[in-house]
């Protein structure tokens, strides 16, 4: 058969194009090619009401933790606190404005809860007294009228403990918080707060977390001490009268 350039050349070109197309589009794609996947998200609670405390980096999708889960009654227009949770024990002086809150969490281990009755026993062993707002307080011996050094509330809002239903109370943890200024220098108050949190964690087989709900390590403890030491120095400078 004679070679006919008019027919053979186009056939060769068409065959070459087909081979190139098969090579380009016939290969299996890598998972990331042409596909946008949503970023992985950490699992949340079934009802969406709480995220288990996590160690390490905070979840960027999680809400920023508040200084204390318990809402302090500082707004006079807010709903009144139920009479059943009012007490003379642990009342903060009304003329002392809150300038800062320092918080630690004692959280149950993943998949577990703290029982109300166990919390009460641990609180008593740690030197806390049940009182105003239905929460526990650490008071200065002989100076209870000066208000609490720090307090302990339920991590679950509204934060108070119902002493009549302790057997049915289960909570992922408790929050310990001190409001500054308080009856003691900030650093002295911290040196009472930290060992109390550690003692509670030991008694409840729980873990101590910082205000960001990360494991409380030595570096963070040292940083908090430095901050509170600076706070005390600033308070001392503010109390020096001009001209003296």
Foldseek 3Di string as FASTA:
>chain_A
DDDDCVPVVVVVVVVVVVVVVCVVPVDDDDPVPPDDDDDDADDADPVNPDRQQDADDDGPPDDFFDQFLADDPPDPPDDDQDPVQAFQFQDADPVADFDDKFKKKWFAPPPAWFALVLLVVLCVVLQWDQHHSQWTFHADVPPRNQGGLKTKFANDPNTHDDPVPRRPDTGRTIMIMGTPPGPDQQLVSVVSVVVSSVSSCVSRVTAMAGSRSHGDDPVNVVVVNVVSVVVSVVVVVVPDDPPD
